[in-house]
Amino acid sequence: MDERLRELAEKRYRQQEFLQTLFELAVENQWFDVRHMVQHDMAKAIIADYSLEQGLDYLNTTVFYDTWESVIEVGWSAFCTHTGLTRERVDRHLQDLTER
């Protein structure tokens, strides 16, 4: 992942208000919403801003498909650090969503 994109992702995903909201949703067992905010809302916003910074079109599809998973990993890492949950435990909660 490009260093500027990583920097942007780290900054956005580590915003205290964002992390607090995710934590509250996790405590309420609202894992669908947690996943949506990390993997869709924030990831798309970060990639869209990065695309524009690079002089590309809004949410450039090439940038999106090339970086989406890496950006999301930054988000889950920030969430796990903030909450103290292991990635394995988070993954189990997310897996439960697909089994319902």
N, C-alpha and C. Protein backbone atom coordinates (compact mmCIF):
# COMPACT_ATOMS: atom_id res chain seq x y z
N MET A 1 0.86 -1.18 0.00
CA MET A 1 0.00 0.00 0.00
C MET A 1 0.90 1.24 0.00
N ASP A 2 0.50 2.21 -0.78
CA ASP A 2 1.20 3.48 -0.85
C ASP A 2 1.26 4.12 0.54
N GLU A 3 2.39 4.74 0.86
CA GLU A 3 2.58 5.32 2.19
C GLU A 3 1.55 6.40 2.51
N ARG A 4 1.21 7.23 1.53
CA ARG A 4 0.22 8.29 1.77
C ARG A 4 -1.15 7.69 2.06
N LEU A 5 -1.51 6.64 1.36
CA LEU A 5 -2.80 5.99 1.62
C LEU A 5 -2.80 5.37 3.01
N ARG A 6 -1.72 4.73 3.40
CA ARG A 6 -1.63 4.15 4.74
C ARG A 6 -1.76 5.24 5.80
N GLU A 7 -1.08 6.35 5.59
CA GLU A 7 -1.14 7.47 6.53
C GLU A 7 -2.58 7.99 6.66
N LEU A 8 -3.25 8.15 5.54
CA LEU A 8 -4.63 8.61 5.54
C LEU A 8 -5.55 7.61 6.25
N ALA A 9 -5.36 6.33 5.97
CA ALA A 9 -6.18 5.29 6.60
C ALA A 9 -5.94 5.25 8.11
N GLU A 10 -4.69 5.30 8.52
CA GLU A 10 -4.37 5.29 9.96
C GLU A 10 -5.04 6.47 10.67
N LYS A 11 -4.93 7.64 10.07
CA LYS A 11 -5.50 8.84 10.68
C LYS A 11 -7.01 8.73 10.81
N ARG A 12 -7.67 8.29 9.76
CA ARG A 12 -9.13 8.22 9.78
C ARG A 12 -9.65 7.13 10.71
N TYR A 13 -9.08 5.96 10.59
CA TYR A 13 -9.57 4.84 11.41
C TYR A 13 -9.25 5.01 12.89
N ARG A 14 -8.29 5.83 13.22
CA ARG A 14 -7.92 6.02 14.62
C ARG A 14 -8.57 7.25 15.26
N GLN A 15 -9.54 7.85 14.58
CA GLN A 15 -10.28 8.96 15.17
C GLN A 15 -11.05 8.43 16.39
N GLN A 16 -10.89 9.09 17.51
CA GLN A 16 -11.48 8.59 18.76
C GLN A 16 -13.01 8.48 18.68
N GLU A 17 -13.65 9.42 18.03
CA GLU A 17 -15.12 9.36 17.93
C GLU A 17 -15.57 8.15 17.13
N PHE A 18 -14.84 7.87 16.06
CA PHE A 18 -15.16 6.72 15.23
C PHE A 18 -14.95 5.42 16.01
N LEU A 19 -13.81 5.32 16.68
CA LEU A 19 -13.52 4.11 17.46
C LEU A 19 -14.52 3.93 18.60
N GLN A 20 -14.91 5.01 19.24
CA GLN A 20 -15.88 4.92 20.33
C GLN A 20 -17.23 4.42 19.82
N THR A 21 -17.63 4.91 18.66
CA THR A 21 -18.89 4.46 18.06
C THR A 21 -18.82 2.97 17.74
N LEU A 22 -17.71 2.53 17.16
CA LEU A 22 -17.55 1.10 16.86
C LEU A 22 -17.59 0.27 18.14
N PHE A 23 -16.93 0.76 19.17
CA PHE A 23 -16.90 0.04 20.45
C PHE A 23 -18.31 -0.11 21.01
N GLU A 24 -19.07 0.97 20.99
CA GLU A 24 -20.44 0.92 21.50
C GLU A 24 -21.30 -0.06 20.71
N LEU A 25 -21.14 -0.06 19.41
CA LEU A 25 -21.89 -1.02 18.58
C LEU A 25 -21.48 -2.46 18.90
N ALA A 26 -20.20 -2.68 19.11
CA ALA A 26 -19.73 -4.04 19.44
C ALA A 26 -20.28 -4.49 20.79
N VAL A 27 -20.30 -3.59 21.76
CA VAL A 27 -20.84 -3.92 23.07
C VAL A 27 -22.32 -4.30 22.95
N GLU A 28 -23.02 -3.62 22.05
CA GLU A 28 -24.44 -3.90 21.84
C GLU A 28 -24.65 -5.08 20.88
N ASN A 29 -23.55 -5.74 20.52
CA ASN A 29 -23.58 -6.90 19.62
C ASN A 29 -24.15 -6.56 18.24
N GLN A 30 -23.86 -5.37 17.78
CA GLN A 30 -24.30 -4.89 16.47
C GLN A 30 -23.16 -5.05 15.45
N TRP A 31 -22.71 -6.28 15.26
CA TRP A 31 -21.54 -6.54 14.43
C TRP A 31 -21.77 -6.24 12.96
N PHE A 32 -22.99 -6.34 12.49
CA PHE A 32 -23.27 -5.97 11.10
C PHE A 32 -22.92 -4.51 10.89
N ASP A 33 -23.33 -3.66 11.82
CA ASP A 33 -23.05 -2.23 11.71
C ASP A 33 -21.56 -1.94 11.85
N VAL A 34 -20.89 -2.65 12.76
CA VAL A 34 -19.44 -2.47 12.92
C VAL A 34 -18.74 -2.81 11.60
N ARG A 35 -19.09 -3.95 11.05
CA ARG A 35 -18.48 -4.38 9.79
C ARG A 35 -18.76 -3.38 8.68
N HIS A 36 -19.99 -2.93 8.59
CA HIS A 36 -20.36 -1.98 7.54
C HIS A 36 -19.56 -0.68 7.65
N MET A 37 -19.42 -0.18 8.85
CA MET A 37 -18.69 1.08 9.05
C MET A 37 -17.20 0.93 8.71
N VAL A 38 -16.61 -0.19 9.10
CA VAL A 38 -15.18 -0.40 8.84
C VAL A 38 -14.94 -0.72 7.37
N GLN A 39 -15.69 -1.66 6.83
CA GLN A 39 -15.41 -2.18 5.50
C GLN A 39 -16.06 -1.41 4.37
N HIS A 40 -17.05 -0.62 4.66
CA HIS A 40 -17.72 0.08 3.58
C HIS A 40 -17.65 1.59 3.75
N ASP A 41 -18.26 2.10 4.79
CA ASP A 41 -18.33 3.55 4.95
C ASP A 41 -16.95 4.20 5.00
N MET A 42 -16.14 3.80 5.95
CA MET A 42 -14.85 4.47 6.13
C MET A 42 -13.88 4.11 5.01
N ALA A 43 -13.84 2.86 4.62
CA ALA A 43 -12.91 2.45 3.56
C ALA A 43 -13.18 3.23 2.28
N LYS A 44 -14.43 3.34 1.90
CA LYS A 44 -14.76 4.08 0.68
C LYS A 44 -14.41 5.55 0.81
N ALA A 45 -14.67 6.13 1.97
CA ALA A 45 -14.35 7.55 2.17
C ALA A 45 -12.84 7.78 2.06
N ILE A 46 -12.06 6.90 2.66
CA ILE A 46 -10.60 7.03 2.61
C ILE A 46 -10.10 6.91 1.18
N ILE A 47 -10.56 5.90 0.48
CA ILE A 47 -10.10 5.68 -0.89
C ILE A 47 -10.58 6.79 -1.81
N ALA A 48 -11.78 7.30 -1.59
CA ALA A 48 -12.27 8.41 -2.41
C ALA A 48 -11.40 9.65 -2.21
N ASP A 49 -11.09 9.98 -0.97
CA ASP A 49 -10.24 11.13 -0.69
C ASP A 49 -8.84 10.94 -1.27
N TYR A 50 -8.31 9.75 -1.13
CA TYR A 50 -6.99 9.45 -1.68
C TYR A 50 -7.01 9.59 -3.21
N SER A 51 -8.04 9.07 -3.83
CA SER A 51 -8.16 9.16 -5.30
C SER A 51 -8.14 10.62 -5.74
N LEU A 52 -8.91 11.44 -5.06
CA LEU A 52 -8.95 12.87 -5.41
C LEU A 52 -7.59 13.54 -5.17
N GLU A 53 -6.94 13.19 -4.07
CA GLU A 53 -5.60 13.74 -3.80
C GLU A 53 -4.62 13.40 -4.91
N GLN A 54 -4.78 12.24 -5.49
CA GLN A 54 -3.87 11.78 -6.55
C GLN A 54 -4.24 12.34 -7.92
N GLY A 55 -5.30 13.16 -7.96
CA GLY A 55 -5.73 13.76 -9.22
C GLY A 55 -6.55 12.81 -10.08
N LEU A 56 -7.11 11.80 -9.44
CA LEU A 56 -7.92 10.82 -10.16
C LEU A 56 -9.40 11.12 -9.92
N ASP A 57 -10.25 10.38 -10.60
CA ASP A 57 -11.67 10.58 -10.38
C ASP A 57 -12.08 10.09 -9.00
N TYR A 58 -13.22 10.59 -8.55
CA TYR A 58 -13.75 10.25 -7.23
C TYR A 58 -13.90 8.73 -7.12
N LEU A 59 -13.35 8.16 -6.06
CA LEU A 59 -13.40 6.72 -5.80
C LEU A 59 -12.99 5.94 -7.06
N ASN A 60 -11.81 6.24 -7.53
CA ASN A 60 -11.25 5.60 -8.71
C ASN A 60 -11.34 4.08 -8.56
N THR A 61 -11.92 3.42 -9.55
CA THR A 61 -12.16 1.97 -9.41
C THR A 61 -10.87 1.17 -9.36
N THR A 62 -9.86 1.57 -10.10
CA THR A 62 -8.59 0.85 -10.05
C THR A 62 -7.97 0.96 -8.67
N VAL A 63 -7.93 2.16 -8.13
CA VAL A 63 -7.39 2.37 -6.78
C VAL A 63 -8.23 1.58 -5.78
N PHE A 64 -9.55 1.65 -5.93
CA PHE A 64 -10.44 0.95 -5.02
C PHE A 64 -10.14 -0.55 -4.99
N TYR A 65 -10.14 -1.19 -6.15
CA TYR A 65 -9.93 -2.64 -6.19
C TYR A 65 -8.51 -3.06 -5.80
N ASP A 66 -7.54 -2.18 -6.06
CA ASP A 66 -6.16 -2.51 -5.71
C ASP A 66 -5.85 -2.33 -4.22
N THR A 67 -6.63 -1.49 -3.52
CA THR A 67 -6.26 -1.13 -2.15
C THR A 67 -7.32 -1.42 -1.10
N TRP A 68 -8.52 -1.76 -1.51
CA TRP A 68 -9.65 -1.89 -0.59
C TRP A 68 -9.33 -2.82 0.58
N GLU A 69 -8.82 -3.99 0.31
CA GLU A 69 -8.55 -4.95 1.39
C GLU A 69 -7.47 -4.46 2.35
N SER A 70 -6.44 -3.83 1.82
CA SER A 70 -5.37 -3.30 2.67
C SER A 70 -5.87 -2.17 3.56
N VAL A 71 -6.71 -1.32 3.01
CA VAL A 71 -7.29 -0.22 3.80
C VAL A 71 -8.14 -0.79 4.92
N ILE A 72 -8.94 -1.78 4.62
CA ILE A 72 -9.80 -2.40 5.63
C ILE A 72 -8.97 -3.03 6.74
N GLU A 73 -7.84 -3.64 6.40
CA GLU A 73 -6.98 -4.23 7.42
C GLU A 73 -6.48 -3.19 8.40
N VAL A 74 -6.20 -1.99 7.91
CA VAL A 74 -5.80 -0.90 8.81
C VAL A 74 -6.94 -0.61 9.78
N GLY A 75 -8.16 -0.62 9.26
CA GLY A 75 -9.32 -0.37 10.11
C GLY A 75 -9.52 -1.41 11.19
N TRP A 76 -9.41 -2.67 10.82
CA TRP A 76 -9.58 -3.72 11.83
C TRP A 76 -8.45 -3.68 12.85
N SER A 77 -7.26 -3.36 12.42
CA SER A 77 -6.14 -3.25 13.35
C SER A 77 -6.39 -2.13 14.36
N ALA A 78 -6.88 -1.00 13.89
CA ALA A 78 -7.19 0.12 14.79
C ALA A 78 -8.29 -0.26 15.77
N PHE A 79 -9.31 -0.96 15.28
CA PHE A 79 -10.41 -1.39 16.13
C PHE A 79 -9.92 -2.36 17.21
N CYS A 80 -9.12 -3.33 16.82
CA CYS A 80 -8.61 -4.32 17.77
C CYS A 80 -7.72 -3.65 18.82
N THR A 81 -6.88 -2.75 18.40
CA THR A 81 -6.02 -2.03 19.35
C THR A 81 -6.87 -1.23 20.33
N HIS A 82 -7.89 -0.57 19.83
CA HIS A 82 -8.74 0.27 20.68
C HIS A 82 -9.55 -0.57 21.68
N THR A 83 -10.08 -1.69 21.23
CA THR A 83 -10.96 -2.48 22.08
C THR A 83 -10.24 -3.54 22.90
N GLY A 84 -9.04 -3.92 22.47
CA GLY A 84 -8.34 -5.00 23.14
C GLY A 84 -8.78 -6.37 22.67
N LEU A 85 -9.71 -6.42 21.71
CA LEU A 85 -10.15 -7.70 21.15
C LEU A 85 -9.09 -8.23 20.19
N THR A 86 -8.92 -9.53 20.16
CA THR A 86 -8.00 -10.11 19.19
C THR A 86 -8.69 -10.13 17.82
N ARG A 87 -7.88 -10.19 16.80
CA ARG A 87 -8.45 -10.26 15.45
C ARG A 87 -9.24 -11.55 15.26
N GLU A 88 -8.80 -12.61 15.90
CA GLU A 88 -9.51 -13.88 15.79
C GLU A 88 -10.91 -13.77 16.37
N ARG A 89 -11.02 -13.10 17.49
CA ARG A 89 -12.35 -12.93 18.11
C ARG A 89 -13.26 -12.06 17.24
N VAL A 90 -12.71 -11.01 16.69
CA VAL A 90 -13.48 -10.16 15.78
C VAL A 90 -13.92 -10.98 14.57
N ASP A 91 -13.01 -11.76 14.01
CA ASP A 91 -13.35 -12.59 12.86
C ASP A 91 -14.45 -13.59 13.18
N ARG A 92 -14.46 -14.12 14.40
CA ARG A 92 -15.54 -15.04 14.79
C ARG A 92 -16.89 -14.33 14.81
N HIS A 93 -16.91 -13.11 15.34
CA HIS A 93 -18.16 -12.34 15.34
C HIS A 93 -18.62 -12.07 13.91
N LEU A 94 -17.70 -11.74 13.04
CA LEU A 94 -18.05 -11.46 11.66
C LEU A 94 -18.51 -12.73 10.95
N GLN A 95 -17.87 -13.84 11.25
CA GLN A 95 -18.28 -15.12 10.67
C GLN A 95 -19.70 -15.48 11.09
N ASP A 96 -20.03 -15.19 12.33
CA ASP A 96 -21.38 -15.45 12.83
C ASP A 96 -22.44 -14.73 11.99
N LEU A 97 -22.10 -13.57 11.45
CA LEU A 97 -23.04 -12.82 10.62
C LEU A 97 -23.41 -13.59 9.37
N THR A 98 -22.43 -14.27 8.79
CA THR A 98 -22.70 -14.98 7.53
C THR A 98 -23.40 -16.31 7.77
N GLU A 99 -23.37 -16.79 8.99
CA GLU A 99 -24.00 -18.07 9.32
C GLU A 99 -25.46 -17.92 9.75
N ARG A 100 -25.88 -16.69 9.95
CA ARG A 100 -27.26 -16.47 10.39
C ARG A 100 -28.22 -16.62 9.28
